[in-house]
Amino acid sequence: IEEKARITLEDGSSLLAISYKGDLSGWRRKLTACCESKARKWGVASKHVITLSDGLEIDLSNTSITFEE
């Protein structure tokens, strides 16, 4: 399942948004393990804020979000 959304951060890096179906904890374990093995950040969105794996909080109102077709 893929939403094809890209969130561009102030430093020019970007996050890719994904959606999931079913086992949330299983998806999260696999995703975070993959990101950590490749030294990539991951984040969790809640109430207009994304909290990144390095502790940084990103206000979604200050980001550029694009949706691919």
N, C-alpha and C. Protein backbone atom coordinates (compact mmCIF):
# COMPACT_ATOMS: atom_id res chain seq x y z
N ILE A 1 0.87 -1.17 0.00
CA ILE A 1 0.00 0.00 0.00
C ILE A 1 0.90 1.21 0.00
N GLU A 2 0.67 2.12 -0.92
CA GLU A 2 1.54 3.28 -1.04
C GLU A 2 0.72 4.51 -1.39
N GLU A 3 0.97 5.59 -0.71
CA GLU A 3 0.25 6.84 -0.95
C GLU A 3 1.01 7.79 -1.87
N LYS A 4 2.30 7.55 -2.05
CA LYS A 4 3.15 8.37 -2.91
C LYS A 4 3.15 9.84 -2.49
N ALA A 5 3.36 10.09 -1.23
CA ALA A 5 3.48 11.45 -0.71
C ALA A 5 4.92 11.66 -0.27
N ARG A 6 5.44 12.85 -0.59
CA ARG A 6 6.80 13.21 -0.21
C ARG A 6 6.74 14.48 0.62
N ILE A 7 7.37 14.44 1.79
CA ILE A 7 7.41 15.59 2.69
C ILE A 7 8.82 16.14 2.67
N THR A 8 8.98 17.37 2.19
CA THR A 8 10.30 17.98 2.10
C THR A 8 10.56 18.80 3.36
N LEU A 9 11.67 18.49 4.02
CA LEU A 9 12.03 19.17 5.26
C LEU A 9 12.83 20.44 4.97
N GLU A 10 12.97 21.30 5.97
CA GLU A 10 13.66 22.58 5.79
C GLU A 10 15.11 22.41 5.34
N ASP A 11 15.77 21.32 5.73
CA ASP A 11 17.17 21.11 5.35
C ASP A 11 17.32 20.52 3.95
N GLY A 12 16.19 20.34 3.25
CA GLY A 12 16.22 19.81 1.88
C GLY A 12 16.05 18.31 1.80
N SER A 13 16.18 17.61 2.91
CA SER A 13 15.94 16.17 2.90
C SER A 13 14.44 15.92 2.82
N SER A 14 14.08 14.69 2.52
CA SER A 14 12.65 14.40 2.41
C SER A 14 12.31 13.07 3.05
N LEU A 15 11.05 12.98 3.42
CA LEU A 15 10.48 11.75 3.97
C LEU A 15 9.45 11.25 2.98
N LEU A 16 9.35 9.95 2.82
CA LEU A 16 8.32 9.36 1.99
C LEU A 16 7.23 8.83 2.90
N ALA A 17 6.00 9.16 2.60
CA ALA A 17 4.89 8.71 3.42
C ALA A 17 4.43 7.33 2.96
N ILE A 18 4.13 6.48 3.91
CA ILE A 18 3.58 5.17 3.58
C ILE A 18 2.31 4.96 4.39
N SER A 19 1.47 4.10 3.89
CA SER A 19 0.32 3.68 4.67
C SER A 19 0.48 2.19 4.93
N TYR A 20 -0.31 1.66 5.78
CA TYR A 20 -0.16 0.26 6.15
C TYR A 20 -1.54 -0.33 6.35
N LYS A 21 -1.57 -1.64 6.36
CA LYS A 21 -2.82 -2.34 6.61
C LYS A 21 -2.51 -3.51 7.53
N GLY A 22 -3.28 -3.65 8.57
CA GLY A 22 -3.10 -4.81 9.43
C GLY A 22 -2.24 -4.54 10.65
N ASP A 23 -1.18 -5.29 10.78
CA ASP A 23 -0.33 -5.34 11.97
C ASP A 23 0.57 -4.10 12.09
N LEU A 24 0.09 -3.06 12.77
CA LEU A 24 0.84 -1.81 12.91
C LEU A 24 2.19 -2.03 13.57
N SER A 25 2.23 -2.78 14.66
CA SER A 25 3.51 -2.97 15.35
C SER A 25 4.49 -3.75 14.49
N GLY A 26 4.02 -4.71 13.72
CA GLY A 26 4.90 -5.46 12.82
C GLY A 26 5.46 -4.58 11.71
N TRP A 27 4.61 -3.75 11.10
CA TRP A 27 5.06 -2.81 10.07
C TRP A 27 6.10 -1.87 10.66
N ARG A 28 5.82 -1.32 11.83
CA ARG A 28 6.72 -0.35 12.45
C ARG A 28 8.08 -0.98 12.76
N ARG A 29 8.08 -2.21 13.29
CA ARG A 29 9.36 -2.89 13.58
C ARG A 29 10.18 -3.08 12.32
N LYS A 30 9.55 -3.54 11.24
CA LYS A 30 10.28 -3.77 9.98
C LYS A 30 10.79 -2.46 9.39
N LEU A 31 9.95 -1.44 9.39
CA LEU A 31 10.34 -0.15 8.82
C LEU A 31 11.48 0.49 9.61
N THR A 32 11.35 0.51 10.93
CA THR A 32 12.40 1.14 11.74
C THR A 32 13.72 0.36 11.64
N ALA A 33 13.64 -0.95 11.59
CA ALA A 33 14.85 -1.76 11.45
C ALA A 33 15.53 -1.48 10.12
N CYS A 34 14.76 -1.37 9.06
CA CYS A 34 15.32 -1.06 7.73
C CYS A 34 15.97 0.32 7.75
N CYS A 35 15.28 1.32 8.28
CA CYS A 35 15.83 2.67 8.34
C CYS A 35 17.11 2.71 9.18
N GLU A 36 17.10 2.07 10.31
CA GLU A 36 18.28 2.07 11.18
C GLU A 36 19.46 1.38 10.52
N SER A 37 19.22 0.28 9.79
CA SER A 37 20.32 -0.43 9.12
C SER A 37 20.93 0.39 7.99
N LYS A 38 20.17 1.35 7.45
CA LYS A 38 20.66 2.19 6.35
C LYS A 38 20.94 3.62 6.80
N ALA A 39 20.95 3.85 8.11
CA ALA A 39 21.20 5.18 8.70
C ALA A 39 20.24 6.22 8.15
N ARG A 40 18.97 5.85 8.05
CA ARG A 40 17.93 6.77 7.58
C ARG A 40 17.01 7.13 8.73
N LYS A 41 16.44 8.33 8.65
CA LYS A 41 15.48 8.77 9.65
C LYS A 41 14.11 8.19 9.33
N TRP A 42 13.30 8.07 10.36
CA TRP A 42 11.91 7.70 10.20
C TRP A 42 11.13 8.55 11.20
N GLY A 43 9.84 8.65 11.00
CA GLY A 43 9.05 9.47 11.91
C GLY A 43 7.63 8.98 12.03
N VAL A 44 6.96 9.51 13.04
CA VAL A 44 5.56 9.19 13.29
C VAL A 44 4.79 10.51 13.34
N ALA A 45 3.72 10.60 12.57
CA ALA A 45 2.90 11.81 12.53
C ALA A 45 1.76 11.70 13.52
N SER A 46 1.50 12.81 14.21
CA SER A 46 0.38 12.89 15.15
C SER A 46 0.04 14.35 15.39
N LYS A 47 -1.20 14.70 15.18
CA LYS A 47 -1.68 16.06 15.46
C LYS A 47 -0.83 17.14 14.79
N HIS A 48 -0.62 17.04 13.49
CA HIS A 48 0.08 18.03 12.68
C HIS A 48 1.57 18.14 12.98
N VAL A 49 2.14 17.15 13.66
CA VAL A 49 3.57 17.13 13.97
C VAL A 49 4.12 15.76 13.63
N ILE A 50 5.32 15.74 13.02
CA ILE A 50 6.03 14.48 12.81
C ILE A 50 7.20 14.47 13.78
N THR A 51 7.28 13.43 14.59
CA THR A 51 8.41 13.25 15.49
C THR A 51 9.37 12.28 14.83
N LEU A 52 10.58 12.77 14.52
CA LEU A 52 11.57 11.96 13.83
C LEU A 52 12.35 11.08 14.81
N SER A 53 12.99 10.08 14.26
CA SER A 53 13.74 9.11 15.06
C SER A 53 14.89 9.74 15.84
N ASP A 54 15.36 10.90 15.40
CA ASP A 54 16.43 11.58 16.14
C ASP A 54 15.90 12.55 17.18
N GLY A 55 14.56 12.55 17.40
CA GLY A 55 13.94 13.40 18.41
C GLY A 55 13.44 14.73 17.89
N LEU A 56 13.83 15.12 16.69
CA LEU A 56 13.38 16.38 16.11
C LEU A 56 11.88 16.32 15.82
N GLU A 57 11.17 17.40 16.14
CA GLU A 57 9.75 17.49 15.85
C GLU A 57 9.54 18.48 14.71
N ILE A 58 8.80 18.06 13.70
CA ILE A 58 8.54 18.87 12.52
C ILE A 58 7.07 19.27 12.50
N ASP A 59 6.82 20.57 12.47
CA ASP A 59 5.45 21.08 12.35
C ASP A 59 5.04 20.94 10.88
N LEU A 60 3.99 20.18 10.62
CA LEU A 60 3.59 19.95 9.23
C LEU A 60 3.11 21.21 8.53
N SER A 61 2.73 22.24 9.27
CA SER A 61 2.29 23.48 8.61
C SER A 61 3.47 24.22 7.99
N ASN A 62 4.71 23.85 8.34
CA ASN A 62 5.90 24.50 7.80
C ASN A 62 6.66 23.61 6.81
N THR A 63 5.98 22.64 6.23
CA THR A 63 6.65 21.73 5.31
C THR A 63 5.97 21.74 3.96
N SER A 64 6.70 21.27 2.98
CA SER A 64 6.14 21.12 1.63
C SER A 64 5.79 19.65 1.43
N ILE A 65 4.52 19.39 1.13
CA ILE A 65 4.05 18.04 0.89
C ILE A 65 3.56 17.95 -0.54
N THR A 66 4.10 16.99 -1.29
CA THR A 66 3.65 16.77 -2.67
C THR A 66 3.11 15.36 -2.81
N PHE A 67 2.09 15.22 -3.63
CA PHE A 67 1.48 13.93 -3.89
C PHE A 67 1.70 13.59 -5.35
N GLU A 68 2.28 12.42 -5.61
CA GLU A 68 2.50 11.97 -6.96
C GLU A 68 1.25 11.26 -7.47
N GLU A 69 1.05 11.32 -8.77
CA GLU A 69 -0.11 10.65 -9.35
C GLU A 69 0.23 9.24 -9.75
